[in-house]
Amino acid sequence: MFYDGSSNQRGAILGVVLKSPQGDMIVQSICCDFKATNNEVEYEVLIVGMTVALDLKATGLNVYNDSLLIVSQLNGEFAAKDSKITAYLEVAKKRAKQFNLFTIKQVLRDKNTQADALANLGLALRKSPFSTIPLAHLQKSLVDTSQIPNVMMIDITPNWTTPIIRYLKDDVLQYNTLEARKLTYKASRYTILHDVLFKASSTGLLQRCLVGDERQEVLQEHHDGKCGNHYGGCSLATKLLRIRYFWPTIKKDTKAYVSKCDSCQHYARLTHKPPEMLHPTLFKKFKEKTNCPMTASKNYKARNCSKYAKQETNMIVS
């Protein structure tokens, strides 16, 4: 099964392509009569395709899609943070368990052109009253999200911003005089806007201070997400600072995150350095082994020693 979905101001359209082992093909373009985000549309079309396959008495289903997020969440590699996406994910997993064999893999966008064309076709047919091509309508979402409470988890564990916020809001300092003086100097570069802490950069721009899971979400989004390009550690840190994010260990955290990225480990350039420290050779030892004539003139010394260096390289290294 190949599927794709698109959502914009004109609505949401789903495209599904089912292929049997015998070569039979079932295509369907579906119009959603409700508002949904891009990720919700991707789950809607996935659940629709799985439901159609179950109605056709299919026992196995191989799913292909170009969305890394959806594929990784179903394979257990990524976690769903949003409550609505979590509900969609649970429904999709329940549908998947009804198959004897179920796999989902990511493919390139040019390998998913049929489903993408169906989604674009449905969007065009929705505005055309003269079309004879059937277009199915989905009146409501397949997942009931009305009972999901709109709750946001707040982490109240003390972090690096706690003393700065307490000083800026309540003028609270530590008992240690030296630490209080350091905090006063550090807090002069911070400000609070709408209960969010910002730091003034060297150029005068305000950088949002991140703590806890916010840092991990930003790293994931800008390294291997839709906004990412698998940057290196230093480049990723520079990018985050440029788009006005900040936390004290940003360079250390970006390097650690990049070093754990599976794709970067597979496709990065190999390091051909030896697994031990290099051993420098003293110039005195070089003189003894080459019997190079030494004079006070550096240029003369370099010219005369160069012809001996090639002959004695193996002996010096050993």
C-alpha atoms as a PDB file:
ATOM      1  CA  MET A   1       0.000   0.000   0.000  1.00  0.00           C
ATOM      2  CA  PHE A   2       1.200   3.470  -0.953  1.00  0.00           C
ATOM      3  CA  TYR A   3      -0.497   6.465   0.612  1.00  0.00           C
ATOM      4  CA  ASP A   4      -0.136  10.204   0.920  1.00  0.00           C
ATOM      5  CA  GLY A   5      -2.125  13.119   2.317  1.00  0.00           C
ATOM      6  CA  SER A   6      -2.031  16.874   2.062  1.00  0.00           C
ATOM      7  CA  SER A   7      -3.635  19.601   4.117  1.00  0.00           C
ATOM      8  CA  ASN A   8      -3.884  23.299   3.331  1.00  0.00           C
ATOM      9  CA  GLN A   9      -6.329  26.190   3.514  1.00  0.00           C
ATOM     10  CA  ARG A  10      -8.614  24.594   0.916  1.00  0.00           C
ATOM     11  CA  GLY A  11      -8.954  21.342   2.877  1.00  0.00           C
ATOM     12  CA  ALA A  12      -7.400  17.931   3.379  1.00  0.00           C
ATOM     13  CA  ILE A  13      -7.189  15.228   0.697  1.00  0.00           C
ATOM     14  CA  LEU A  14      -6.111  11.592   1.042  1.00  0.00           C
ATOM     15  CA  GLY A  15      -4.667   9.348  -1.664  1.00  0.00           C
ATOM     16  CA  VAL A  16      -4.434   5.530  -1.307  1.00  0.00           C
ATOM     17  CA  VAL A  17      -2.998   2.980  -3.746  1.00  0.00           C
ATOM     18  CA  LEU A  18      -3.457  -0.727  -2.923  1.00  0.00           C
ATOM     19  CA  LYS A  19      -1.616  -3.318  -5.012  1.00  0.00           C
ATOM     20  CA  SER A  20      -2.186  -7.078  -4.807  1.00  0.00           C
ATOM     21  CA  PRO A  21       0.533  -9.723  -5.417  1.00  0.00           C
ATOM     22  CA  GLN A  22      -1.243 -10.561  -8.697  1.00  0.00           C
ATOM     23  CA  GLY A  23      -0.841  -6.978  -9.927  1.00  0.00           C
ATOM     24  CA  ASP A  24      -4.392  -5.755  -9.295  1.00  0.00           C
ATOM     25  CA  MET A  25      -4.597  -2.120  -8.210  1.00  0.00           C
ATOM     26  CA  ILE A  26      -7.201  -0.237  -6.178  1.00  0.00           C
ATOM     27  CA  VAL A  27      -6.914   3.546  -6.066  1.00  0.00           C
ATOM     28  CA  GLN A  28      -8.980   5.951  -4.024  1.00  0.00           C
ATOM     29  CA  SER A  29      -9.005   9.699  -3.551  1.00  0.00           C
ATOM     30  CA  ILE A  30     -10.767  10.860  -0.382  1.00  0.00           C
ATOM     31  CA  CYS A  31     -11.798  14.345   0.652  1.00  0.00           C
ATOM     32  CA  CYS A  32     -11.902  15.246   4.351  1.00  0.00           C
ATOM     33  CA  ASP A  33     -14.765  17.520   5.421  1.00  0.00           C
ATOM     34  CA  PHE A  34     -13.004  18.525   8.635  1.00  0.00           C
ATOM     35  CA  LYS A  35      -9.855  20.413   9.514  1.00  0.00           C
ATOM     36  CA  ALA A  36      -6.697  18.465  10.311  1.00  0.00           C
ATOM     37  CA  THR A  37      -2.970  19.051  10.486  1.00  0.00           C
ATOM     38  CA  ASN A  38      -0.512  17.422   8.099  1.00  0.00           C
ATOM     39  CA  ASN A  39       0.450  14.709  10.596  1.00  0.00           C
ATOM     40  CA  GLU A  40      -3.203  13.985  11.409  1.00  0.00           C
ATOM     41  CA  VAL A  41      -3.968  13.691   7.688  1.00  0.00           C
ATOM     42  CA  GLU A  42      -1.100  11.218   7.273  1.00  0.00           C
ATOM     43  CA  TYR A  43      -2.594   9.044  10.014  1.00  0.00           C
ATOM     44  CA  GLU A  44      -6.109   9.390   8.607  1.00  0.00           C
ATOM     45  CA  VAL A  45      -5.095   8.095   5.192  1.00  0.00           C
ATOM     46  CA  LEU A  46      -3.040   5.302   6.786  1.00  0.00           C
ATOM     47  CA  ILE A  47      -6.013   4.107   8.845  1.00  0.00           C
ATOM     48  CA  VAL A  48      -8.332   4.373   5.812  1.00  0.00           C
ATOM     49  CA  GLY A  49      -5.990   2.253   3.716  1.00  0.00           C
ATOM     50  CA  MET A  50      -5.610  -0.360   6.460  1.00  0.00           C
ATOM     51  CA  THR A  51      -9.401  -0.503   6.885  1.00  0.00           C
ATOM     52  CA  VAL A  52      -9.902  -1.016   3.141  1.00  0.00           C
ATOM     53  CA  ALA A  53      -7.294  -3.782   3.137  1.00  0.00           C
ATOM     54  CA  LEU A  54      -9.049  -5.504   6.048  1.00  0.00           C
ATOM     55  CA  ASP A  55     -12.398  -5.255   4.245  1.00  0.00           C
ATOM     56  CA  LEU A  56     -10.770  -7.005   1.266  1.00  0.00           C
ATOM     57  CA  LYS A  57      -9.749  -9.877   3.604  1.00  0.00           C
ATOM     58  CA  ALA A  58      -6.042  -9.124   3.258  1.00  0.00           C
ATOM     59  CA  THR A  59      -3.875 -11.055   5.722  1.00  0.00           C
ATOM     60  CA  GLY A  60      -0.642  -9.180   5.086  1.00  0.00           C
ATOM     61  CA  LEU A  61       0.117  -5.555   4.301  1.00  0.00           C
ATOM     62  CA  ASN A  62       3.339  -3.807   3.304  1.00  0.00           C
ATOM     63  CA  VAL A  63       2.988  -0.042   3.695  1.00  0.00           C
ATOM     64  CA  TYR A  64       5.229   2.540   2.021  1.00  0.00           C
ATOM     65  CA  ASN A  65       5.215   6.260   2.764  1.00  0.00           C
ATOM     66  CA  ASP A  66       7.587   9.211   2.445  1.00  0.00           C
ATOM     67  CA  SER A  67       6.967  10.556   5.975  1.00  0.00           C
ATOM     68  CA  LEU A  68       9.843   9.659   8.274  1.00  0.00           C
ATOM     69  CA  LEU A  69       7.938  10.771  11.376  1.00  0.00           C
ATOM     70  CA  ILE A  70       4.918   8.477  10.841  1.00  0.00           C
ATOM     71  CA  VAL A  71       7.066   5.492   9.894  1.00  0.00           C
ATOM     72  CA  SER A  72       9.388   5.969  12.876  1.00  0.00           C
ATOM     73  CA  GLN A  73       6.503   6.357  15.326  1.00  0.00           C
ATOM     74  CA  LEU A  74       4.840   3.132  14.141  1.00  0.00           C
ATOM     75  CA  ASN A  75       8.152   1.282  14.298  1.00  0.00           C
ATOM     76  CA  GLY A  76       8.731   2.533  17.843  1.00  0.00           C
ATOM     77  CA  GLU A  77      11.770   4.664  16.981  1.00  0.00           C
ATOM     78  CA  PHE A  78      10.068   8.005  17.738  1.00  0.00           C
ATOM     79  CA  ALA A  79       7.626   8.819  20.527  1.00  0.00           C
ATOM     80  CA  ALA A  80       4.374  10.735  20.036  1.00  0.00           C
ATOM     81  CA  LYS A  81       4.249  13.869  22.186  1.00  0.00           C
ATOM     82  CA  ASP A  82       0.887  15.341  21.181  1.00  0.00           C
ATOM     83  CA  SER A  83      -2.239  13.793  22.720  1.00  0.00           C
ATOM     84  CA  LYS A  84      -4.106  13.676  19.378  1.00  0.00           C
ATOM     85  CA  ILE A  85      -1.187  12.053  17.585  1.00  0.00           C
ATOM     86  CA  THR A  86      -0.964   9.532  20.425  1.00  0.00           C
ATOM     87  CA  ALA A  87      -4.631   8.613  19.871  1.00  0.00           C
ATOM     88  CA  TYR A  88      -4.034   8.214  16.119  1.00  0.00           C
ATOM     89  CA  LEU A  89      -0.970   6.078  16.808  1.00  0.00           C
ATOM     90  CA  GLU A  90      -2.895   3.728  19.116  1.00  0.00           C
ATOM     91  CA  VAL A  91      -5.649   3.220  16.511  1.00  0.00           C
ATOM     92  CA  ALA A  92      -3.081   2.548  13.783  1.00  0.00           C
ATOM     93  CA  LYS A  93      -1.300  -0.030  15.938  1.00  0.00           C
ATOM     94  CA  LYS A  94      -4.600  -1.785  16.683  1.00  0.00           C
ATOM     95  CA  ARG A  95      -5.332  -1.995  12.965  1.00  0.00           C
ATOM     96  CA  ALA A  96      -1.833  -3.327  12.316  1.00  0.00           C
ATOM     97  CA  LYS A  97      -2.286  -6.153  14.837  1.00  0.00           C
ATOM     98  CA  GLN A  98      -5.242  -7.451  12.819  1.00  0.00           C
ATOM     99  CA  PHE A  99      -2.856  -8.462  10.014  1.00  0.00           C
ATOM    100  CA  ASN A 100      -0.759 -11.602  10.172  1.00  0.00           C
ATOM    101  CA  LEU A 101       2.078  -9.657   8.585  1.00  0.00           C
ATOM    102  CA  PHE A 102       2.440  -5.879   8.711  1.00  0.00           C
ATOM    103  CA  THR A 103       5.443  -3.769   7.759  1.00  0.00           C
ATOM    104  CA  ILE A 104       5.859  -0.056   7.140  1.00  0.00           C
ATOM    105  CA  LYS A 105       8.869   1.496   5.449  1.00  0.00           C
ATOM    106  CA  GLN A 106       9.891   4.939   4.305  1.00  0.00           C
ATOM    107  CA  VAL A 107      10.445   5.536   0.588  1.00  0.00           C
ATOM    108  CA  LEU A 108      11.620   8.538  -1.358  1.00  0.00           C
ATOM    109  CA  ARG A 109       9.023  10.984  -2.579  1.00  0.00           C
ATOM    110  CA  ASP A 110       9.617  10.034  -6.219  1.00  0.00           C
ATOM    111  CA  LYS A 111       8.687   6.436  -5.352  1.00  0.00           C
ATOM    112  CA  ASN A 112       5.330   7.578  -3.951  1.00  0.00           C
ATOM    113  CA  THR A 113       4.141   9.584  -6.942  1.00  0.00           C
ATOM    114  CA  GLN A 114       0.866   7.697  -7.509  1.00  0.00           C
ATOM    115  CA  ALA A 115      -0.533   8.363  -4.044  1.00  0.00           C
ATOM    116  CA  ASP A 116       0.707  11.950  -4.174  1.00  0.00           C
ATOM    117  CA  ALA A 117      -0.993  12.446  -7.544  1.00  0.00           C
ATOM    118  CA  LEU A 118      -4.266  11.092  -6.138  1.00  0.00           C
ATOM    119  CA  ALA A 119      -4.120  13.562  -3.262  1.00  0.00           C
ATOM    120  CA  ASN A 120      -3.501  16.475  -5.644  1.00  0.00           C
ATOM    121  CA  LEU A 121      -6.196  15.197  -8.010  1.00  0.00           C
ATOM    122  CA  GLY A 122      -8.757  15.053  -5.218  1.00  0.00           C
ATOM    123  CA  LEU A 123      -7.945  18.623  -4.259  1.00  0.00           C
ATOM    124  CA  ALA A 124      -8.597  19.749  -7.838  1.00  0.00           C
ATOM    125  CA  LEU A 125     -11.797  17.712  -8.229  1.00  0.00           C
ATOM    126  CA  ARG A 126     -13.222  19.106  -5.006  1.00  0.00           C
ATOM    127  CA  LYS A 127     -13.718  22.501  -6.673  1.00  0.00           C
ATOM    128  CA  SER A 128     -14.984  21.093  -9.985  1.00  0.00           C
ATOM    129  CA  PRO A 129     -18.782  20.515 -10.197  1.00  0.00           C
ATOM    130  CA  PHE A 130     -18.516  18.917 -13.651  1.00  0.00           C
ATOM    131  CA  SER A 131     -16.117  16.077 -12.866  1.00  0.00           C
ATOM    132  CA  THR A 132     -17.271  12.486 -13.467  1.00  0.00           C
ATOM    133  CA  ILE A 133     -14.430  10.945 -11.424  1.00  0.00           C
ATOM    134  CA  PRO A 134     -15.769   9.628  -8.072  1.00  0.00           C
ATOM    135  CA  LEU A 135     -14.426  11.368  -5.000  1.00  0.00           C
ATOM    136  CA  ALA A 136     -15.165   9.841  -1.592  1.00  0.00           C
ATOM    137  CA  HIS A 137     -15.891  12.115   1.365  1.00  0.00           C
ATOM    138  CA  LEU A 138     -14.871  11.527   4.954  1.00  0.00           C
ATOM    139  CA  GLN A 139     -17.380  13.352   7.137  1.00  0.00           C
ATOM    140  CA  LYS A 140     -15.483  13.066  10.412  1.00  0.00           C
ATOM    141  CA  SER A 141     -12.212  11.801  11.758  1.00  0.00           C
ATOM    142  CA  LEU A 142     -11.732   8.064  12.225  1.00  0.00           C
ATOM    143  CA  VAL A 143     -10.293   8.779  15.676  1.00  0.00           C
ATOM    144  CA  ASP A 144     -12.461  10.381  18.357  1.00  0.00           C
ATOM    145  CA  THR A 145     -10.335  13.153  19.823  1.00  0.00           C
ATOM    146  CA  SER A 146     -13.171  15.034  21.503  1.00  0.00           C
ATOM    147  CA  GLN A 147     -12.687  13.173  24.790  1.00  0.00           C
ATOM    148  CA  ILE A 148      -8.960  13.842  24.939  1.00  0.00           C
ATOM    149  CA  PRO A 149      -8.294  16.521  27.581  1.00  0.00           C
ATOM    150  CA  ASN A 150      -6.193  19.450  26.465  1.00  0.00           C
ATOM    151  CA  VAL A 151      -3.518  19.034  29.123  1.00  0.00           C
ATOM    152  CA  MET A 152       0.045  20.282  28.934  1.00  0.00           C
ATOM    153  CA  MET A 153       2.684  18.760  31.195  1.00  0.00           C
ATOM    154  CA  ILE A 154       4.775  21.326  33.064  1.00  0.00           C
ATOM    155  CA  ASP A 155       8.143  20.364  34.485  1.00  0.00           C
ATOM    156  CA  ILE A 156       8.725  22.110  37.824  1.00  0.00           C
ATOM    157  CA  THR A 157      12.089  20.447  38.529  1.00  0.00           C
ATOM    158  CA  PRO A 158      14.754  23.083  39.321  1.00  0.00           C
ATOM    159  CA  ASN A 159      17.046  23.736  36.350  1.00  0.00           C
ATOM    160  CA  TRP A 160      19.678  26.247  35.277  1.00  0.00           C
ATOM    161  CA  THR A 161      17.067  28.984  34.712  1.00  0.00           C
ATOM    162  CA  THR A 162      15.495  28.700  38.190  1.00  0.00           C
ATOM    163  CA  PRO A 163      17.866  31.041  40.114  1.00  0.00           C
ATOM    164  CA  ILE A 164      17.833  33.580  37.278  1.00  0.00           C
ATOM    165  CA  ILE A 165      14.032  33.659  37.125  1.00  0.00           C
ATOM    166  CA  ARG A 166      13.741  33.906  40.918  1.00  0.00           C
ATOM    167  CA  TYR A 167      16.147  36.842  40.945  1.00  0.00           C
ATOM    168  CA  LEU A 168      14.431  38.673  38.071  1.00  0.00           C
ATOM    169  CA  LYS A 169      10.919  38.120  39.448  1.00  0.00           C
ATOM    170  CA  ASP A 170      11.328  38.186  43.223  1.00  0.00           C
ATOM    171  CA  ASP A 171      14.852  39.637  43.670  1.00  0.00           C
ATOM    172  CA  VAL A 172      15.964  36.469  45.505  1.00  0.00           C
ATOM    173  CA  LEU A 173      19.723  35.911  45.847  1.00  0.00           C
ATOM    174  CA  GLN A 174      21.787  33.079  47.278  1.00  0.00           C
ATOM    175  CA  TYR A 175      23.321  33.276  50.733  1.00  0.00           C
ATOM    176  CA  ASN A 176      26.870  32.952  49.422  1.00  0.00           C
ATOM    177  CA  THR A 177      28.125  36.458  48.659  1.00  0.00           C
ATOM    178  CA  LEU A 178      30.357  35.340  45.797  1.00  0.00           C
ATOM    179  CA  GLU A 179      27.599  33.270  44.165  1.00  0.00           C
ATOM    180  CA  ALA A 180      25.120  36.126  44.638  1.00  0.00           C
ATOM    181  CA  ARG A 181      27.491  38.504  42.887  1.00  0.00           C
ATOM    182  CA  LYS A 182      27.932  36.070  39.977  1.00  0.00           C
ATOM    183  CA  LEU A 183      24.168  35.641  39.671  1.00  0.00           C
ATOM    184  CA  THR A 184      23.614  39.412  39.648  1.00  0.00           C
ATOM    185  CA  TYR A 185      26.139  39.837  36.843  1.00  0.00           C
ATOM    186  CA  LYS A 186      24.709  36.901  34.844  1.00  0.00           C
ATOM    187  CA  ALA A 187      21.079  37.977  35.231  1.00  0.00           C
ATOM    188  CA  SER A 188      21.824  41.387  33.697  1.00  0.00           C
ATOM    189  CA  ARG A 189      21.859  39.661  30.269  1.00  0.00           C
ATOM    190  CA  TYR A 190      18.469  37.982  30.746  1.00  0.00           C
ATOM    191  CA  THR A 191      14.881  39.203  30.631  1.00  0.00           C
ATOM    192  CA  ILE A 192      11.412  37.688  31.037  1.00  0.00           C
ATOM    193  CA  LEU A 193       8.693  38.253  28.428  1.00  0.00           C
ATOM    194  CA  HIS A 194       5.277  36.590  28.882  1.00  0.00           C
ATOM    195  CA  ASP A 195       6.737  34.227  31.503  1.00  0.00           C
ATOM    196  CA  VAL A 196       9.438  33.043  29.081  1.00  0.00           C
ATOM    197  CA  LEU A 197      13.127  33.615  29.812  1.00  0.00           C
ATOM    198  CA  PHE A 198      15.250  35.207  27.075  1.00  0.00           C
ATOM    199  CA  LYS A 199      18.965  35.936  26.880  1.00  0.00           C
ATOM    200  CA  ALA A 200      20.433  38.907  25.058  1.00  0.00           C
ATOM    201  CA  SER A 201      23.071  37.790  22.560  1.00  0.00           C
ATOM    202  CA  SER A 202      26.228  39.706  21.674  1.00  0.00           C
ATOM    203  CA  THR A 203      24.341  41.298  18.756  1.00  0.00           C
ATOM    204  CA  GLY A 204      21.455  42.421  20.967  1.00  0.00           C
ATOM    205  CA  LEU A 205      18.944  39.811  19.729  1.00  0.00           C
ATOM    206  CA  LEU A 206      16.893  37.887  22.273  1.00  0.00           C
ATOM    207  CA  GLN A 207      17.452  34.119  22.390  1.00  0.00           C
ATOM    208  CA  ARG A 208      14.856  31.871  23.992  1.00  0.00           C
ATOM    209  CA  CYS A 209      16.222  29.797  26.872  1.00  0.00           C
ATOM    210  CA  LEU A 210      15.339  26.092  26.643  1.00  0.00           C
ATOM    211  CA  VAL A 211      15.220  23.489  29.401  1.00  0.00           C
ATOM    212  CA  GLY A 212      14.313  19.823  29.747  1.00  0.00           C
ATOM    213  CA  ASP A 213      12.581  18.098  26.838  1.00  0.00           C
ATOM    214  CA  GLU A 214      12.426  21.337  24.838  1.00  0.00           C
ATOM    215  CA  ARG A 215      16.106  20.962  24.014  1.00  0.00           C
ATOM    216  CA  GLN A 216      15.657  17.409  22.727  1.00  0.00           C
ATOM    217  CA  GLU A 217      12.689  18.422  20.554  1.00  0.00           C
ATOM    218  CA  VAL A 218      14.625  21.321  19.020  1.00  0.00           C
ATOM    219  CA  LEU A 219      17.668  19.120  18.367  1.00  0.00           C
ATOM    220  CA  GLN A 220      15.527  16.462  16.704  1.00  0.00           C
ATOM    221  CA  GLU A 221      13.587  18.948  14.577  1.00  0.00           C
ATOM    222  CA  HIS A 222      16.623  20.832  13.274  1.00  0.00           C
ATOM    223  CA  HIS A 223      18.967  17.853  12.864  1.00  0.00           C
ATOM    224  CA  ASP A 224      16.930  14.967  11.416  1.00  0.00           C
ATOM    225  CA  GLY A 225      13.420  16.427  11.209  1.00  0.00           C
ATOM    226  CA  LYS A 226      11.720  18.367   8.430  1.00  0.00           C
ATOM    227  CA  CYS A 227      13.897  21.415   9.191  1.00  0.00           C
ATOM    228  CA  GLY A 228      17.112  19.412   9.482  1.00  0.00           C
ATOM    229  CA  ASN A 229      19.926  18.446   7.157  1.00  0.00           C
ATOM    230  CA  HIS A 230      21.993  16.200   9.464  1.00  0.00           C
ATOM    231  CA  TYR A 231      24.422  18.956  10.380  1.00  0.00           C
ATOM    232  CA  GLY A 232      27.587  18.341  12.331  1.00  0.00           C
ATOM    233  CA  GLY A 233      27.792  19.196  16.019  1.00  0.00           C
ATOM    234  CA  CYS A 234      29.331  22.675  15.667  1.00  0.00           C
ATOM    235  CA  SER A 235      27.176  23.576  12.654  1.00  0.00           C
ATOM    236  CA  LEU A 236      24.004  22.502  14.477  1.00  0.00           C
ATOM    237  CA  ALA A 237      24.922  24.582  17.538  1.00  0.00           C
ATOM    238  CA  THR A 238      25.629  27.608  15.340  1.00  0.00           C
ATOM    239  CA  LYS A 239      22.287  27.184  13.561  1.00  0.00           C
ATOM    240  CA  LEU A 240      20.327  26.984  16.831  1.00  0.00           C
ATOM    241  CA  LEU A 241      22.044  30.082  18.166  1.00  0.00           C
ATOM    242  CA  ARG A 242      21.343  31.895  14.902  1.00  0.00           C
ATOM    243  CA  ILE A 243      17.620  31.102  15.089  1.00  0.00           C
ATOM    244  CA  ARG A 244      17.600  32.409  18.683  1.00  0.00           C
ATOM    245  CA  TYR A 245      17.759  29.358  20.941  1.00  0.00           C
ATOM    246  CA  PHE A 246      20.109  29.112  23.903  1.00  0.00           C
ATOM    247  CA  TRP A 247      21.136  26.947  26.823  1.00  0.00           C
ATOM    248  CA  PRO A 248      24.582  26.799  28.495  1.00  0.00           C
ATOM    249  CA  THR A 249      25.579  23.328  27.244  1.00  0.00           C
ATOM    250  CA  ILE A 250      24.317  23.767  23.678  1.00  0.00           C
ATOM    251  CA  LYS A 251      27.642  22.885  21.992  1.00  0.00           C
ATOM    252  CA  LYS A 252      28.203  19.825  24.154  1.00  0.00           C
ATOM    253  CA  ASP A 253      24.629  18.591  23.665  1.00  0.00           C
ATOM    254  CA  THR A 254      24.673  19.062  19.887  1.00  0.00           C
ATOM    255  CA  LYS A 255      27.896  17.071  19.543  1.00  0.00           C
ATOM    256  CA  ALA A 256      26.505  14.294  21.749  1.00  0.00           C
ATOM    257  CA  TYR A 257      23.241  14.193  19.761  1.00  0.00           C
ATOM    258  CA  VAL A 258      25.019  14.033  16.399  1.00  0.00           C
ATOM    259  CA  SER A 259      27.326  11.267  17.623  1.00  0.00           C
ATOM    260  CA  LYS A 260      24.252   9.128  18.457  1.00  0.00           C
ATOM    261  CA  CYS A 261      22.455   9.732  15.133  1.00  0.00           C
ATOM    262  CA  ASP A 262      22.176   6.412  13.302  1.00  0.00           C
ATOM    263  CA  SER A 263      22.045   7.967   9.825  1.00  0.00           C
ATOM    264  CA  CYS A 264      25.115  10.094  10.505  1.00  0.00           C
ATOM    265  CA  GLN A 265      27.041   7.011  11.643  1.00  0.00           C
ATOM    266  CA  HIS A 266      26.129   5.145   8.448  1.00  0.00           C
ATOM    267  CA  TYR A 267      26.792   7.870   5.878  1.00  0.00           C
ATOM    268  CA  ALA A 268      29.396  10.136   7.493  1.00  0.00           C
ATOM    269  CA  ARG A 269      32.948  10.254   6.183  1.00  0.00           C
ATOM    270  CA  LEU A 270      35.215   7.662   7.763  1.00  0.00           C
ATOM    271  CA  THR A 271      38.062   8.786  10.007  1.00  0.00           C
ATOM    272  CA  HIS A 272      41.384   7.247   8.975  1.00  0.00           C
ATOM    273  CA  LYS A 273      43.391   8.474  11.948  1.00  0.00           C
ATOM    274  CA  PRO A 274      45.342   5.841  13.929  1.00  0.00           C
ATOM    275  CA  PRO A 275      43.734   4.653  17.186  1.00  0.00           C
ATOM    276  CA  GLU A 276      46.627   6.042  19.252  1.00  0.00           C
ATOM    277  CA  MET A 277      48.462   9.302  19.746  1.00  0.00           C
ATOM    278  CA  LEU A 278      50.974  10.287  17.078  1.00  0.00           C
ATOM    279  CA  HIS A 279      54.641   9.997  18.058  1.00  0.00           C
ATOM    280  CA  PRO A 280      56.677  13.089  17.121  1.00  0.00           C
ATOM    281  CA  THR A 281      60.287  12.607  15.976  1.00  0.00           C
ATOM    282  CA  LEU A 282      62.881  14.920  17.492  1.00  0.00           C
ATOM    283  CA  PHE A 283      64.941  16.947  15.064  1.00  0.00           C
ATOM    284  CA  LYS A 284      68.074  15.837  16.887  1.00  0.00           C
ATOM    285  CA  LYS A 285      67.228  12.208  16.140  1.00  0.00           C
ATOM    286  CA  PHE A 286      66.503  13.166  12.557  1.00  0.00           C
ATOM    287  CA  LYS A 287      69.981  14.710  12.307  1.00  0.00           C
ATOM    288  CA  GLU A 288      71.697  11.610  13.700  1.00  0.00           C
ATOM    289  CA  LYS A 289      69.929   9.158  11.371  1.00  0.00           C
ATOM    290  CA  THR A 290      70.241  11.171   8.184  1.00  0.00           C
ATOM    291  CA  ASN A 291      73.742  12.550   8.749  1.00  0.00           C
ATOM    292  CA  CYS A 292      72.400  15.761   7.288  1.00  0.00           C
ATOM    293  CA  PRO A 293      74.999  18.582   7.198  1.00  0.00           C
ATOM    294  CA  MET A 294      73.799  21.369   9.492  1.00  0.00           C
ATOM    295  CA  THR A 295      74.784  24.970   9.121  1.00  0.00           C
ATOM    296  CA  ALA A 296      73.644  28.241  10.604  1.00  0.00           C
ATOM    297  CA  SER A 297      71.601  29.057   7.528  1.00  0.00           C
ATOM    298  CA  LYS A 298      68.038  27.768   7.788  1.00  0.00           C
ATOM    299  CA  ASN A 299      67.494  27.831   4.043  1.00  0.00           C
ATOM    300  CA  TYR A 300      70.679  25.874   3.381  1.00  0.00           C
ATOM    301  CA  LYS A 301      69.749  23.407   6.098  1.00  0.00           C
ATOM    302  CA  ALA A 302      66.305  22.847   4.600  1.00  0.00           C
ATOM    303  CA  ARG A 303      67.678  22.344   1.079  1.00  0.00           C
ATOM    304  CA  ASN A 304      70.297  19.835   2.163  1.00  0.00           C
ATOM    305  CA  CYS A 305      68.060  17.896   4.560  1.00  0.00           C
ATOM    306  CA  SER A 306      65.228  17.471   2.045  1.00  0.00           C
ATOM    307  CA  LYS A 307      67.244  15.050  -0.128  1.00  0.00           C
ATOM    308  CA  TYR A 308      68.031  12.886   2.891  1.00  0.00           C
ATOM    309  CA  ALA A 309      64.497  12.880   4.297  1.00  0.00           C
ATOM    310  CA  LYS A 310      62.998  10.726   1.540  1.00  0.00           C
ATOM    311  CA  GLN A 311      65.749   8.118   1.850  1.00  0.00           C
ATOM    312  CA  GLU A 312      65.507   7.765   5.627  1.00  0.00           C
ATOM    313  CA  THR A 313      61.713   8.043   6.143  1.00  0.00           C
ATOM    314  CA  ASN A 314      61.163   4.358   6.850  1.00  0.00           C
ATOM    315  CA  MET A 315      64.014   4.288   9.357  1.00  0.00           C
ATOM    316  CA  ILE A 316      62.725   7.355  11.227  1.00  0.00           C
ATOM    317  CA  VAL A 317      59.140   6.068  11.475  1.00  0.00           C
ATOM    318  CA  SER A 318      60.302   2.682  12.748  1.00  0.00           C
END
